């Protein structure tokens, strides 16, 4: 597991107050008991933490934690190569 993924988990656990064990690649936001406000807060925190932008139309495509983590990692990697 990457450091980026660990940071994403830390942020989600802090905002959503779910158990870290709930966060598997196939966990849905429903599994995490996250509502839409939680997810907005998570997105804002991740944008600040990694200095990236996550457009709403991209955020709506995430089906589970794996999609979400892969997207953030790709954006961070892109930024590093920019």
C-alpha atoms as a PDB file:
ATOM      1  CA  UNK A   1       0.000   0.000   0.000  1.00  0.00           C
ATOM      2  CA  UNK A   2       1.366   3.394  -0.973  1.00  0.00           C
ATOM      3  CA  UNK A   3       1.964   6.365   1.299  1.00  0.00           C
ATOM      4  CA  UNK A   4      -0.648   8.255  -0.721  1.00  0.00           C
ATOM      5  CA  UNK A   5      -3.232   5.563  -0.036  1.00  0.00           C
ATOM      6  CA  UNK A   6      -2.354   5.630   3.685  1.00  0.00           C
ATOM      7  CA  UNK A   7      -2.881   9.403   3.757  1.00  0.00           C
ATOM      8  CA  UNK A   8      -6.225   9.050   1.963  1.00  0.00           C
ATOM      9  CA  UNK A   9      -7.307   6.483   4.564  1.00  0.00           C
ATOM     10  CA  UNK A  10      -6.215   8.773   7.419  1.00  0.00           C
ATOM     11  CA  UNK A  11      -8.288  11.624   6.006  1.00  0.00           C
ATOM     12  CA  UNK A  12     -11.383   9.462   5.430  1.00  0.00           C
ATOM     13  CA  UNK A  13     -11.186   7.918   8.925  1.00  0.00           C
ATOM     14  CA  UNK A  14     -10.842  11.378  10.496  1.00  0.00           C
ATOM     15  CA  UNK A  15     -13.782  12.909   8.613  1.00  0.00           C
ATOM     16  CA  UNK A  16     -16.174   9.961   8.283  1.00  0.00           C
ATOM     17  CA  UNK A  17     -15.321   8.370  11.661  1.00  0.00           C
ATOM     18  CA  UNK A  18     -15.296   4.872  10.188  1.00  0.00           C
ATOM     19  CA  UNK A  19     -12.979   2.031  11.124  1.00  0.00           C
ATOM     20  CA  UNK A  20      -9.812   1.816   9.061  1.00  0.00           C
ATOM     21  CA  UNK A  21     -10.562  -1.884   8.411  1.00  0.00           C
ATOM     22  CA  UNK A  22     -13.685  -0.839   6.466  1.00  0.00           C
ATOM     23  CA  UNK A  23     -11.488   0.798   3.827  1.00  0.00           C
ATOM     24  CA  UNK A  24     -10.743  -1.946   1.321  1.00  0.00           C
ATOM     25  CA  UNK A  25     -10.439  -1.467  -2.450  1.00  0.00           C
ATOM     26  CA  UNK A  26     -14.040  -2.622  -2.896  1.00  0.00           C
ATOM     27  CA  UNK A  27     -15.560  -0.561  -0.041  1.00  0.00           C
ATOM     28  CA  UNK A  28     -18.320   1.727  -1.219  1.00  0.00           C
ATOM     29  CA  UNK A  29     -19.032   5.057   0.433  1.00  0.00           C
ATOM     30  CA  UNK A  30     -22.186   3.385   1.722  1.00  0.00           C
ATOM     31  CA  UNK A  31     -20.015   0.748   3.454  1.00  0.00           C
ATOM     32  CA  UNK A  32     -18.128   3.595   5.114  1.00  0.00           C
ATOM     33  CA  UNK A  33     -21.439   5.152   6.207  1.00  0.00           C
ATOM     34  CA  UNK A  34     -20.350   8.356   4.460  1.00  0.00           C
ATOM     35  CA  UNK A  35     -22.973  10.854   3.367  1.00  0.00           C
ATOM     36  CA  UNK A  36     -22.566  13.437   0.627  1.00  0.00           C
ATOM     37  CA  UNK A  37     -21.354  16.124   3.057  1.00  0.00           C
ATOM     38  CA  UNK A  38     -18.676  13.739   4.369  1.00  0.00           C
ATOM     39  CA  UNK A  39     -17.530  13.103   0.823  1.00  0.00           C
ATOM     40  CA  UNK A  40     -17.331  16.822   0.016  1.00  0.00           C
ATOM     41  CA  UNK A  41     -15.201  17.317   3.143  1.00  0.00           C
ATOM     42  CA  UNK A  42     -12.971  14.383   2.148  1.00  0.00           C
ATOM     43  CA  UNK A  43     -12.532  15.770  -1.379  1.00  0.00           C
ATOM     44  CA  UNK A  44     -11.632  19.236  -0.072  1.00  0.00           C
ATOM     45  CA  UNK A  45      -9.177  17.759   2.444  1.00  0.00           C
ATOM     46  CA  UNK A  46      -7.530  15.645  -0.260  1.00  0.00           C
ATOM     47  CA  UNK A  47      -7.302  18.589  -2.648  1.00  0.00           C
ATOM     48  CA  UNK A  48      -5.590  20.607   0.094  1.00  0.00           C
ATOM     49  CA  UNK A  49      -3.341  17.757   1.238  1.00  0.00           C
ATOM     50  CA  UNK A  50      -2.074  16.830  -2.230  1.00  0.00           C
ATOM     51  CA  UNK A  51      -2.525  20.200  -3.956  1.00  0.00           C
ATOM     52  CA  UNK A  52      -4.685  18.661  -6.691  1.00  0.00           C
ATOM     53  CA  UNK A  53      -8.119  19.408  -8.071  1.00  0.00           C
ATOM     54  CA  UNK A  54     -10.865  16.766  -8.192  1.00  0.00           C
ATOM     55  CA  UNK A  55     -13.640  17.960 -10.531  1.00  0.00           C
ATOM     56  CA  UNK A  56     -17.198  17.057  -9.502  1.00  0.00           C
ATOM     57  CA  UNK A  57     -17.764  15.085 -12.696  1.00  0.00           C
ATOM     58  CA  UNK A  58     -14.766  12.876 -11.813  1.00  0.00           C
ATOM     59  CA  UNK A  59     -15.816  12.517  -8.177  1.00  0.00           C
ATOM     60  CA  UNK A  60     -19.245  11.245  -9.234  1.00  0.00           C
ATOM     61  CA  UNK A  61     -17.633   8.325 -11.098  1.00  0.00           C
ATOM     62  CA  UNK A  62     -16.023   6.742  -8.035  1.00  0.00           C
ATOM     63  CA  UNK A  63     -17.699   3.419  -7.261  1.00  0.00           C
ATOM     64  CA  UNK A  64     -15.513   2.400  -4.316  1.00  0.00           C
ATOM     65  CA  UNK A  65     -12.424   3.217  -2.284  1.00  0.00           C
ATOM     66  CA  UNK A  66     -10.146   1.547  -4.843  1.00  0.00           C
ATOM     67  CA  UNK A  67     -11.378   3.836  -7.652  1.00  0.00           C
ATOM     68  CA  UNK A  68     -10.997   6.831  -5.397  1.00  0.00           C
ATOM     69  CA  UNK A  69      -7.463   5.969  -4.239  1.00  0.00           C
ATOM     70  CA  UNK A  70      -6.308   5.117  -7.777  1.00  0.00           C
ATOM     71  CA  UNK A  71      -7.652   8.423  -9.085  1.00  0.00           C
ATOM     72  CA  UNK A  72      -5.926  10.482  -6.373  1.00  0.00           C
ATOM     73  CA  UNK A  73      -2.660   8.575  -6.849  1.00  0.00           C
ATOM     74  CA  UNK A  74      -2.806   9.193 -10.622  1.00  0.00           C
ATOM     75  CA  UNK A  75      -3.421  12.906 -10.098  1.00  0.00           C
ATOM     76  CA  UNK A  76      -0.558  13.148  -7.601  1.00  0.00           C
ATOM     77  CA  UNK A  77       1.735  11.299 -10.037  1.00  0.00           C
ATOM     78  CA  UNK A  78       0.699  13.625 -12.893  1.00  0.00           C
ATOM     79  CA  UNK A  79       1.460  16.622 -10.734  1.00  0.00           C
ATOM     80  CA  UNK A  80       4.872  15.200  -9.885  1.00  0.00           C
ATOM     81  CA  UNK A  81       5.680  14.814 -13.576  1.00  0.00           C
ATOM     82  CA  UNK A  82       4.328  18.201 -14.591  1.00  0.00           C
END
